[in-house]
Amino acid sequence: MDANGFVGLSAHAVNMATKELFAVGAFGMGGYEKIVEFNCGSTDHVCFAISGYNGNFGYSSVARKQAVTPTRADGTAWAWPQDIVPARVYIGVKGYEVRSLG
């Protein structure tokens, strides 16, 4: 795949017993910075709290961008990217065999 087919960063899981690494496609390809497993109270499910790179950084880069280029390439105004990708919860069902698509 070349740069034009780039879709994002996948999350990964490690089998500690075999040291195998697997891409976790169920989360999507969003480039997640923080992934935390938590107890969802069910032995039949697995739960993860995930959040992406963009969100509330506590500051706005809009003024800096406007100083260099007053508007975006499409002519619209720059926007403060506060909370544009909020935290999410993933709930999966345990016990399904992972199969290769290849």
PDB file of N, CA and C in Angstrom:
ATOM      1  N   MET A   1       0.853  -1.176   0.000  1.00  0.00           N
ATOM      2  CA  MET A   1       0.000   0.000   0.000  1.00  0.00           C
ATOM      3  C   MET A   1       0.896   1.236   0.000  1.00  0.00           C
ATOM      4  N   ASP A   2       0.572   2.216  -0.811  1.00  0.00           N
ATOM      5  CA  ASP A   2       1.358   3.448  -0.832  1.00  0.00           C
ATOM      6  C   ASP A   2       0.694   4.502   0.062  1.00  0.00           C
ATOM      7  N   ALA A   3       1.288   5.666   0.139  1.00  0.00           N
ATOM      8  CA  ALA A   3       0.784   6.721   1.020  1.00  0.00           C
ATOM      9  C   ALA A   3      -0.640   7.143   0.664  1.00  0.00           C
ATOM     10  N   ASN A   4      -1.056   7.002  -0.596  1.00  0.00           N
ATOM     11  CA  ASN A   4      -2.415   7.387  -0.988  1.00  0.00           C
ATOM     12  C   ASN A   4      -3.466   6.450  -0.422  1.00  0.00           C
ATOM     13  N   GLY A   5      -3.077   5.228  -0.054  1.00  0.00           N
ATOM     14  CA  GLY A   5      -4.019   4.271   0.514  1.00  0.00           C
ATOM     15  C   GLY A   5      -3.987   4.228   2.028  1.00  0.00           C
ATOM     16  N   PHE A   6      -3.256   5.160   2.652  1.00  0.00           N
ATOM     17  CA  PHE A   6      -3.109   5.195   4.104  1.00  0.00           C
ATOM     18  C   PHE A   6      -4.445   5.491   4.755  1.00  0.00           C
ATOM     19  N   VAL A   7      -4.816   4.700   5.792  1.00  0.00           N
ATOM     20  CA  VAL A   7      -6.101   4.885   6.443  1.00  0.00           C
ATOM     21  C   VAL A   7      -6.003   5.181   7.929  1.00  0.00           C
ATOM     22  N   GLY A   8      -4.825   5.172   8.505  1.00  0.00           N
ATOM     23  CA  GLY A   8      -4.705   5.461   9.934  1.00  0.00           C
ATOM     24  C   GLY A   8      -3.814   4.467  10.628  1.00  0.00           C
ATOM     25  N   LEU A   9      -3.834   4.509  11.943  1.00  0.00           N
ATOM     26  CA  LEU A   9      -3.012   3.625  12.759  1.00  0.00           C
ATOM     27  C   LEU A   9      -3.902   2.619  13.471  1.00  0.00           C
ATOM     28  N   SER A  10      -3.507   1.362  13.430  1.00  0.00           N
ATOM     29  CA  SER A  10      -4.313   0.352  14.122  1.00  0.00           C
ATOM     30  C   SER A  10      -3.840   0.185  15.553  1.00  0.00           C
ATOM     31  N   ALA A  11      -4.723  -0.290  16.396  1.00  0.00           N
ATOM     32  CA  ALA A  11      -4.347  -0.684  17.754  1.00  0.00           C
ATOM     33  C   ALA A  11      -3.765  -2.087  17.658  1.00  0.00           C
ATOM     34  N   HIS A  12      -2.973  -2.482  18.636  1.00  0.00           N
ATOM     35  CA  HIS A  12      -2.367  -3.809  18.622  1.00  0.00           C
ATOM     36  C   HIS A  12      -2.549  -4.501  19.959  1.00  0.00           C
ATOM     37  N   ALA A  13      -2.605  -5.819  19.903  1.00  0.00           N
ATOM     38  CA  ALA A  13      -2.673  -6.655  21.100  1.00  0.00           C
ATOM     39  C   ALA A  13      -1.515  -7.638  21.050  1.00  0.00           C
ATOM     40  N   VAL A  14      -0.957  -7.961  22.198  1.00  0.00           N
ATOM     41  CA  VAL A  14       0.170  -8.879  22.280  1.00  0.00           C
ATOM     42  C   VAL A  14      -0.249 -10.112  23.065  1.00  0.00           C
ATOM     43  N   ASN A  15       0.001 -11.302  22.480  1.00  0.00           N
ATOM     44  CA  ASN A  15      -0.168 -12.555  23.200  1.00  0.00           C
ATOM     45  C   ASN A  15       1.110 -12.744  24.005  1.00  0.00           C
ATOM     46  N   MET A  16       1.054 -12.533  25.306  1.00  0.00           N
ATOM     47  CA  MET A  16       2.251 -12.567  26.137  1.00  0.00           C
ATOM     48  C   MET A  16       2.899 -13.946  26.181  1.00  0.00           C
ATOM     49  N   ALA A  17       2.118 -15.006  26.025  1.00  0.00           N
ATOM     50  CA  ALA A  17       2.668 -16.363  26.072  1.00  0.00           C
ATOM     51  C   ALA A  17       3.511 -16.675  24.844  1.00  0.00           C
ATOM     52  N   THR A  18       3.058 -16.225  23.665  1.00  0.00           N
ATOM     53  CA  THR A  18       3.764 -16.551  22.421  1.00  0.00           C
ATOM     54  C   THR A  18       4.530 -15.365  21.841  1.00  0.00           C
ATOM     55  N   LYS A  19       4.340 -14.181  22.433  1.00  0.00           N
ATOM     56  CA  LYS A  19       4.945 -12.932  21.946  1.00  0.00           C
ATOM     57  C   LYS A  19       4.492 -12.583  20.522  1.00  0.00           C
ATOM     58  N   GLU A  20       3.286 -13.018  20.143  1.00  0.00           N
ATOM     59  CA  GLU A  20       2.712 -12.676  18.838  1.00  0.00           C
ATOM     60  C   GLU A  20       1.997 -11.325  18.960  1.00  0.00           C
ATOM     61  N   LEU A  21       2.068 -10.542  17.889  1.00  0.00           N
ATOM     62  CA  LEU A  21       1.437  -9.225  17.834  1.00  0.00           C
ATOM     63  C   LEU A  21       0.294  -9.266  16.821  1.00  0.00           C
ATOM     64  N   PHE A  22      -0.857  -8.738  17.199  1.00  0.00           N
ATOM     65  CA  PHE A  22      -2.026  -8.731  16.334  1.00  0.00           C
ATOM     66  C   PHE A  22      -2.586  -7.319  16.217  1.00  0.00           C
ATOM     67  N   ALA A  23      -2.971  -6.917  15.022  1.00  0.00           N
ATOM     68  CA  ALA A  23      -3.693  -5.659  14.840  1.00  0.00           C
ATOM     69  C   ALA A  23      -5.130  -5.883  15.296  1.00  0.00           C
ATOM     70  N   VAL A  24      -5.668  -4.925  16.026  1.00  0.00           N
ATOM     71  CA  VAL A  24      -7.034  -5.016  16.532  1.00  0.00           C
ATOM     72  C   VAL A  24      -7.905  -4.136  15.648  1.00  0.00           C
ATOM     73  N   GLY A  25      -8.447  -4.710  14.599  1.00  0.00           N
ATOM     74  CA  GLY A  25      -9.246  -3.961  13.641  1.00  0.00           C
ATOM     75  C   GLY A  25     -10.599  -3.535  14.148  1.00  0.00           C
ATOM     76  N   ALA A  26     -11.072  -4.151  15.223  1.00  0.00           N
ATOM     77  CA  ALA A  26     -12.405  -3.843  15.733  1.00  0.00           C
ATOM     78  C   ALA A  26     -12.525  -2.404  16.206  1.00  0.00           C
ATOM     79  N   PHE A  27     -11.415  -1.770  16.598  1.00  0.00           N
ATOM     80  CA  PHE A  27     -11.460  -0.390  17.056  1.00  0.00           C
ATOM     81  C   PHE A  27     -11.543   0.585  15.894  1.00  0.00           C
ATOM     82  N   GLY A  28     -11.235   0.160  14.700  1.00  0.00           N
ATOM     83  CA  GLY A  28     -11.152   1.053  13.557  1.00  0.00           C
ATOM     84  C   GLY A  28      -9.731   1.538  13.386  1.00  0.00           C
ATOM     85  N   MET A  29      -9.508   2.392  12.418  1.00  0.00           N
ATOM     86  CA  MET A  29      -8.155   2.863  12.112  1.00  0.00           C
ATOM     87  C   MET A  29      -8.024   4.335  12.454  1.00  0.00           C
ATOM     88  N   GLY A  30      -8.126   4.676  13.726  1.00  0.00           N
ATOM     89  CA  GLY A  30      -8.147   6.074  14.097  1.00  0.00           C
ATOM     90  C   GLY A  30      -6.876   6.635  14.672  1.00  0.00           C
ATOM     91  N   GLY A  31      -5.873   5.824  14.911  1.00  0.00           N
ATOM     92  CA  GLY A  31      -4.668   6.323  15.548  1.00  0.00           C
ATOM     93  C   GLY A  31      -4.891   6.577  17.029  1.00  0.00           C
ATOM     94  N   TYR A  32      -5.199   5.557  17.769  1.00  0.00           N
ATOM     95  CA  TYR A  32      -5.534   5.715  19.180  1.00  0.00           C
ATOM     96  C   TYR A  32      -4.292   5.877  20.040  1.00  0.00           C
ATOM     97  N   GLU A  33      -4.327   6.857  20.912  1.00  0.00           N
ATOM     98  CA  GLU A  33      -3.200   7.135  21.785  1.00  0.00           C
ATOM     99  C   GLU A  33      -3.361   6.417  23.117  1.00  0.00           C
ATOM    100  N   LYS A  34      -4.579   6.329  23.581  1.00  0.00           N
ATOM    101  CA  LYS A  34      -4.824   5.729  24.892  1.00  0.00           C
ATOM    102  C   LYS A  34      -5.861   4.619  24.756  1.00  0.00           C
ATOM    103  N   ILE A  35      -5.491   3.402  25.157  1.00  0.00           N
ATOM    104  CA  ILE A  35      -6.404   2.259  25.161  1.00  0.00           C
ATOM    105  C   ILE A  35      -6.258   1.578  26.516  1.00  0.00           C
ATOM    106  N   VAL A  36      -7.357   1.487  27.244  1.00  0.00           N
ATOM    107  CA  VAL A  36      -7.324   0.901  28.572  1.00  0.00           C
ATOM    108  C   VAL A  36      -8.417  -0.156  28.663  1.00  0.00           C
ATOM    109  N   GLU A  37      -8.019  -1.390  29.041  1.00  0.00           N
ATOM    110  CA  GLU A  37      -9.018  -2.433  29.289  1.00  0.00           C
ATOM    111  C   GLU A  37      -9.607  -2.197  30.675  1.00  0.00           C
ATOM    112  N   PHE A  38     -10.915  -2.388  30.795  1.00  0.00           N
ATOM    113  CA  PHE A  38     -11.539  -2.257  32.111  1.00  0.00           C
ATOM    114  C   PHE A  38     -12.536  -3.381  32.323  1.00  0.00           C
ATOM    115  N   ASN A  39     -12.859  -3.657  33.570  1.00  0.00           N
ATOM    116  CA  ASN A  39     -13.765  -4.731  33.941  1.00  0.00           C
ATOM    117  C   ASN A  39     -15.192  -4.279  33.689  1.00  0.00           C
ATOM    118  N   CYS A  40     -15.865  -4.946  32.734  1.00  0.00           N
ATOM    119  CA  CYS A  40     -17.247  -4.566  32.426  1.00  0.00           C
ATOM    120  C   CYS A  40     -18.254  -5.456  33.152  1.00  0.00           C
ATOM    121  N   GLY A  41     -17.770  -6.290  34.075  1.00  0.00           N
ATOM    122  CA  GLY A  41     -18.675  -7.078  34.905  1.00  0.00           C
ATOM    123  C   GLY A  41     -19.234  -8.325  34.241  1.00  0.00           C
ATOM    124  N   SER A  42     -18.649  -8.755  33.128  1.00  0.00           N
ATOM    125  CA  SER A  42     -19.130  -9.933  32.413  1.00  0.00           C
ATOM    126  C   SER A  42     -17.950 -10.813  32.030  1.00  0.00           C
ATOM    127  N   THR A  43     -18.059 -12.098  32.280  1.00  0.00           N
ATOM    128  CA  THR A  43     -16.999 -13.023  31.871  1.00  0.00           C
ATOM    129  C   THR A  43     -17.097 -13.366  30.386  1.00  0.00           C
ATOM    130  N   ASP A  44     -18.178 -12.967  29.730  1.00  0.00           N
ATOM    131  CA  ASP A  44     -18.382 -13.252  28.306  1.00  0.00           C
ATOM    132  C   ASP A  44     -17.968 -12.094  27.396  1.00  0.00           C
ATOM    133  N   HIS A  45     -17.560 -10.973  27.978  1.00  0.00           N
ATOM    134  CA  HIS A  45     -17.239  -9.783  27.187  1.00  0.00           C
ATOM    135  C   HIS A  45     -15.897  -9.193  27.608  1.00  0.00           C
ATOM    136  N   VAL A  46     -15.334  -8.403  26.723  1.00  0.00           N
ATOM    137  CA  VAL A  46     -14.130  -7.634  27.010  1.00  0.00           C
ATOM    138  C   VAL A  46     -14.461  -6.173  26.723  1.00  0.00           C
ATOM    139  N   CYS A  47     -13.960  -5.266  27.576  1.00  0.00           N
ATOM    140  CA  CYS A  47     -14.286  -3.846  27.431  1.00  0.00           C
ATOM    141  C   CYS A  47     -13.014  -3.002  27.421  1.00  0.00           C
ATOM    142  N   PHE A  48     -12.990  -2.028  26.517  1.00  0.00           N
ATOM    143  CA  PHE A  48     -11.857  -1.117  26.393  1.00  0.00           C
ATOM    144  C   PHE A  48     -12.359   0.317  26.310  1.00  0.00           C
ATOM    145  N   ALA A  49     -11.650   1.214  26.967  1.00  0.00           N
ATOM    146  CA  ALA A  49     -11.882   2.650  26.803  1.00  0.00           C
ATOM    147  C   ALA A  49     -10.794   3.134  25.853  1.00  0.00           C
ATOM    148  N   ILE A  50     -11.182   3.795  24.758  1.00  0.00           N
ATOM    149  CA  ILE A  50     -10.217   4.242  23.750  1.00  0.00           C
ATOM    150  C   ILE A  50     -10.420   5.721  23.451  1.00  0.00           C
ATOM    151  N   SER A  51      -9.323   6.398  23.149  1.00  0.00           N
ATOM    152  CA  SER A  51      -9.424   7.793  22.733  1.00  0.00           C
ATOM    153  C   SER A  51      -8.328   8.086  21.725  1.00  0.00           C
ATOM    154  N   GLY A  52      -8.617   9.014  20.833  1.00  0.00           N
ATOM    155  CA  GLY A  52      -7.713   9.334  19.740  1.00  0.00           C
ATOM    156  C   GLY A  52      -6.724  10.429  20.083  1.00  0.00           C
ATOM    157  N   TYR A  53      -5.942  10.820  19.104  1.00  0.00           N
ATOM    158  CA  TYR A  53      -4.936  11.853  19.281  1.00  0.00           C
ATOM    159  C   TYR A  53      -5.533  13.239  19.380  1.00  0.00           C
ATOM    160  N   ASN A  54      -6.646  13.478  18.693  1.00  0.00           N
ATOM    161  CA  ASN A  54      -7.200  14.827  18.687  1.00  0.00           C
ATOM    162  C   ASN A  54      -8.272  14.952  19.755  1.00  0.00           C
ATOM    163  N   GLY A  55      -8.382  16.097  20.334  1.00  0.00           N
ATOM    164  CA  GLY A  55      -9.345  16.336  21.394  1.00  0.00           C
ATOM    165  C   GLY A  55      -8.980  17.592  22.147  1.00  0.00           C
ATOM    166  N   ASN A  56      -9.305  17.655  23.401  1.00  0.00           N
ATOM    167  CA  ASN A  56      -9.068  18.840  24.212  1.00  0.00           C
ATOM    168  C   ASN A  56      -7.637  18.828  24.734  1.00  0.00           C
ATOM    169  N   PHE A  57      -6.762  19.584  24.082  1.00  0.00           N
ATOM    170  CA  PHE A  57      -5.368  19.667  24.499  1.00  0.00           C
ATOM    171  C   PHE A  57      -5.140  20.781  25.513  1.00  0.00           C
ATOM    172  N   GLY A  58      -6.167  21.558  25.827  1.00  0.00           N
ATOM    173  CA  GLY A  58      -6.031  22.634  26.793  1.00  0.00           C
ATOM    174  C   GLY A  58      -5.518  23.939  26.190  1.00  0.00           C
ATOM    175  N   TYR A  59      -5.334  23.990  24.897  1.00  0.00           N
ATOM    176  CA  TYR A  59      -4.911  25.215  24.227  1.00  0.00           C
ATOM    177  C   TYR A  59      -5.446  25.183  22.801  1.00  0.00           C
ATOM    178  N   SER A  60      -5.424  26.312  22.147  1.00  0.00           N
ATOM    179  CA  SER A  60      -5.883  26.390  20.770  1.00  0.00           C
ATOM    180  C   SER A  60      -4.742  26.835  19.861  1.00  0.00           C
ATOM    181  N   SER A  61      -4.565  26.131  18.770  1.00  0.00           N
ATOM    182  CA  SER A  61      -3.540  26.510  17.799  1.00  0.00           C
ATOM    183  C   SER A  61      -4.138  27.373  16.682  1.00  0.00           C
ATOM    184  N   VAL A  62      -5.392  27.789  16.819  1.00  0.00           N
ATOM    185  CA  VAL A  62      -6.069  28.549  15.777  1.00  0.00           C
ATOM    186  C   VAL A  62      -5.371  29.878  15.495  1.00  0.00           C
ATOM    187  N   ALA A  63      -4.980  30.611  16.534  1.00  0.00           N
ATOM    188  CA  ALA A  63      -4.342  31.920  16.321  1.00  0.00           C
ATOM    189  C   ALA A  63      -3.037  31.765  15.547  1.00  0.00           C
ATOM    190  N   ARG A  64      -2.260  30.740  15.866  1.00  0.00           N
ATOM    191  CA  ARG A  64      -1.001  30.510  15.151  1.00  0.00           C
ATOM    192  C   ARG A  64      -1.267  30.200  13.686  1.00  0.00           C
ATOM    193  N   LYS A  65      -2.272  29.353  13.432  1.00  0.00           N
ATOM    194  CA  LYS A  65      -2.608  28.996  12.053  1.00  0.00           C
ATOM    195  C   LYS A  65      -3.121  30.206  11.277  1.00  0.00           C
ATOM    196  N   GLN A  66      -3.960  31.018  11.924  1.00  0.00           N
ATOM    197  CA  GLN A  66      -4.497  32.208  11.262  1.00  0.00           C
ATOM    198  C   GLN A  66      -3.396  33.211  10.935  1.00  0.00           C
ATOM    199  N   ALA A  67      -2.350  33.279  11.782  1.00  0.00           N
ATOM    200  CA  ALA A  67      -1.248  34.205  11.521  1.00  0.00           C
ATOM    201  C   ALA A  67      -0.472  33.810  10.272  1.00  0.00           C
ATOM    202  N   VAL A  68      -0.423  32.514   9.987  1.00  0.00           N
ATOM    203  CA  VAL A  68       0.297  32.027   8.802  1.00  0.00           C
ATOM    204  C   VAL A  68      -0.613  32.031   7.584  1.00  0.00           C
ATOM    205  N   THR A  69      -1.814  31.500   7.744  1.00  0.00           N
ATOM    206  CA  THR A  69      -2.792  31.428   6.658  1.00  0.00           C
ATOM    207  C   THR A  69      -4.157  31.784   7.236  1.00  0.00           C
ATOM    208  N   PRO A  70      -4.771  32.900   6.814  1.00  0.00           N
ATOM    209  CA  PRO A  70      -6.027  33.350   7.415  1.00  0.00           C
ATOM    210  C   PRO A  70      -7.171  32.328   7.362  1.00  0.00           C
ATOM    211  N   THR A  71      -7.226  31.523   6.301  1.00  0.00           N
ATOM    212  CA  THR A  71      -8.286  30.513   6.194  1.00  0.00           C
ATOM    213  C   THR A  71      -7.686  29.181   5.748  1.00  0.00           C
ATOM    214  N   ARG A  72      -8.480  28.141   5.860  1.00  0.00           N
ATOM    215  CA  ARG A  72      -8.059  26.822   5.399  1.00  0.00           C
ATOM    216  C   ARG A  72      -8.023  26.816   3.873  1.00  0.00           C
ATOM    217  N   ALA A  73      -7.462  25.747   3.294  1.00  0.00           N
ATOM    218  CA  ALA A  73      -7.326  25.649   1.832  1.00  0.00           C
ATOM    219  C   ALA A  73      -8.678  25.728   1.119  1.00  0.00           C
ATOM    220  N   ASP A  74      -9.744  25.284   1.801  1.00  0.00           N
ATOM    221  CA  ASP A  74     -11.067  25.334   1.171  1.00  0.00           C
ATOM    222  C   ASP A  74     -11.782  26.664   1.393  1.00  0.00           C
ATOM    223  N   GLY A  75     -11.097  27.645   2.030  1.00  0.00           N
ATOM    224  CA  GLY A  75     -11.682  28.962   2.237  1.00  0.00           C
ATOM    225  C   GLY A  75     -12.464  29.122   3.529  1.00  0.00           C
ATOM    226  N   THR A  76     -12.652  28.045   4.273  1.00  0.00           N
ATOM    227  CA  THR A  76     -13.386  28.139   5.537  1.00  0.00           C
ATOM    228  C   THR A  76     -12.444  28.553   6.665  1.00  0.00           C
ATOM    229  N   ALA A  77     -13.038  29.024   7.755  1.00  0.00           N
ATOM    230  CA  ALA A  77     -12.256  29.481   8.901  1.00  0.00           C
ATOM    231  C   ALA A  77     -11.668  28.304   9.686  1.00  0.00           C
ATOM    232  N   TRP A  78     -10.539  28.545  10.335  1.00  0.00           N
ATOM    233  CA  TRP A  78      -9.952  27.556  11.226  1.00  0.00           C
ATOM    234  C   TRP A  78     -10.875  27.385  12.431  1.00  0.00           C
ATOM    235  N   ALA A  79     -10.935  26.193  13.008  1.00  0.00           N
ATOM    236  CA  ALA A  79     -11.794  25.936  14.162  1.00  0.00           C
ATOM    237  C   ALA A  79     -10.961  25.343  15.293  1.00  0.00           C
ATOM    238  N   TRP A  80     -11.343  25.655  16.525  1.00  0.00           N
ATOM    239  CA  TRP A  80     -10.652  25.105  17.686  1.00  0.00           C
ATOM    240  C   TRP A  80     -11.082  23.647  17.832  1.00  0.00           C
ATOM    241  N   PRO A  81     -10.140  22.688  17.771  1.00  0.00           N
ATOM    242  CA  PRO A  81     -10.496  21.269  17.792  1.00  0.00           C
ATOM    243  C   PRO A  81     -10.709  20.705  19.191  1.00  0.00           C
ATOM    244  N   GLN A  82     -11.506  21.389  19.999  1.00  0.00           N
ATOM    245  CA  GLN A  82     -11.743  20.916  21.361  1.00  0.00           C
ATOM    246  C   GLN A  82     -12.808  19.829  21.356  1.00  0.00           C
ATOM    247  N   ASP A  83     -12.452  18.675  21.898  1.00  0.00           N
ATOM    248  CA  ASP A  83     -13.370  17.544  22.085  1.00  0.00           C
ATOM    249  C   ASP A  83     -14.006  17.063  20.784  1.00  0.00           C
ATOM    250  N   ILE A  84     -13.269  17.081  19.673  1.00  0.00           N
ATOM    251  CA  ILE A  84     -13.870  16.641  18.420  1.00  0.00           C
ATOM    252  C   ILE A  84     -13.891  15.125  18.284  1.00  0.00           C
ATOM    253  N   VAL A  85     -13.063  14.430  19.052  1.00  0.00           N
ATOM    254  CA  VAL A  85     -13.125  12.968  19.094  1.00  0.00           C
ATOM    255  C   VAL A  85     -13.145  12.572  20.568  1.00  0.00           C
ATOM    256  N   PRO A  86     -14.323  12.473  21.152  1.00  0.00           N
ATOM    257  CA  PRO A  86     -14.410  12.138  22.575  1.00  0.00           C
ATOM    258  C   PRO A  86     -14.002  10.687  22.829  1.00  0.00           C
ATOM    259  N   ALA A  87     -13.772  10.368  24.078  1.00  0.00           N
ATOM    260  CA  ALA A  87     -13.444   8.998  24.463  1.00  0.00           C
ATOM    261  C   ALA A  87     -14.582   8.070  24.065  1.00  0.00           C
ATOM    262  N   ARG A  88     -14.235   6.827  23.756  1.00  0.00           N
ATOM    263  CA  ARG A  88     -15.228   5.832  23.342  1.00  0.00           C
ATOM    264  C   ARG A  88     -15.058   4.562  24.165  1.00  0.00           C
ATOM    265  N   VAL A  89     -16.084   3.737  24.188  1.00  0.00           N
ATOM    266  CA  VAL A  89     -16.021   2.434  24.849  1.00  0.00           C
ATOM    267  C   VAL A  89     -16.285   1.361  23.804  1.00  0.00           C
ATOM    268  N   TYR A  90     -15.406   0.355  23.774  1.00  0.00           N
ATOM    269  CA  TYR A  90     -15.589  -0.803  22.890  1.00  0.00           C
ATOM    270  C   TYR A  90     -15.943  -1.995  23.761  1.00  0.00           C
ATOM    271  N   ILE A  91     -17.005  -2.725  23.400  1.00  0.00           N
ATOM    272  CA  ILE A  91     -17.402  -3.946  24.096  1.00  0.00           C
ATOM    273  C   ILE A  91     -17.403  -5.077  23.078  1.00  0.00           C
ATOM    274  N   GLY A  92     -16.585  -6.099  23.337  1.00  0.00           N
ATOM    275  CA  GLY A  92     -16.479  -7.239  22.423  1.00  0.00           C
ATOM    276  C   GLY A  92     -16.906  -8.527  23.098  1.00  0.00           C
ATOM    277  N   VAL A  93     -17.332  -9.486  22.310  1.00  0.00           N
ATOM    278  CA  VAL A  93     -17.754 -10.790  22.813  1.00  0.00           C
ATOM    279  C   VAL A  93     -16.557 -11.735  22.774  1.00  0.00           C
ATOM    280  N   LYS A  94     -16.270 -12.408  23.883  1.00  0.00           N
ATOM    281  CA  LYS A  94     -15.144 -13.343  23.962  1.00  0.00           C
ATOM    282  C   LYS A  94     -15.510 -14.673  23.309  1.00  0.00           C
ATOM    283  N   GLY A  95     -14.479 -15.405  22.884  1.00  0.00           N
ATOM    284  CA  GLY A  95     -14.684 -16.776  22.438  1.00  0.00           C
ATOM    285  C   GLY A  95     -14.776 -16.991  20.941  1.00  0.00           C
ATOM    286  N   TYR A  96     -14.573 -15.942  20.147  1.00  0.00           N
ATOM    287  CA  TYR A  96     -14.611 -16.097  18.705  1.00  0.00           C
ATOM    288  C   TYR A  96     -13.209 -16.291  18.174  1.00  0.00           C
ATOM    289  N   GLU A  97     -13.051 -17.202  17.253  1.00  0.00           N
ATOM    290  CA  GLU A  97     -11.751 -17.490  16.654  1.00  0.00           C
ATOM    291  C   GLU A  97     -11.344 -16.368  15.710  1.00  0.00           C
ATOM    292  N   VAL A  98     -10.101 -15.955  15.815  1.00  0.00           N
ATOM    293  CA  VAL A  98      -9.567 -14.940  14.913  1.00  0.00           C
ATOM    294  C   VAL A  98      -9.090 -15.633  13.660  1.00  0.00           C
ATOM    295  N   ARG A  99      -9.521 -15.169  12.512  1.00  0.00           N
ATOM    296  CA  ARG A  99      -9.133 -15.772  11.228  1.00  0.00           C
ATOM    297  C   ARG A  99      -8.471 -14.751  10.343  1.00  0.00           C
ATOM    298  N   SER A 100      -7.485 -15.202   9.622  1.00  0.00           N
ATOM    299  CA  SER A 100      -6.777 -14.327   8.696  1.00  0.00           C
ATOM    300  C   SER A 100      -7.608 -14.102   7.449  1.00  0.00           C
ATOM    301  N   LEU A 101      -7.559 -12.894   6.911  1.00  0.00           N
ATOM    302  CA  LEU A 101      -8.245 -12.591   5.666  1.00  0.00           C
ATOM    303  C   LEU A 101      -7.391 -12.950   4.459  1.00  0.00           C
ATOM    304  N   GLY A 102      -6.121 -13.268   4.699  1.00  0.00           N
ATOM    305  CA  GLY A 102      -5.180 -13.530   3.600  1.00  0.00           C
ATOM    306  C   GLY A 102      -5.166 -14.895   3.112  1.00  0.00           C
TER     307      GLY A 102
END
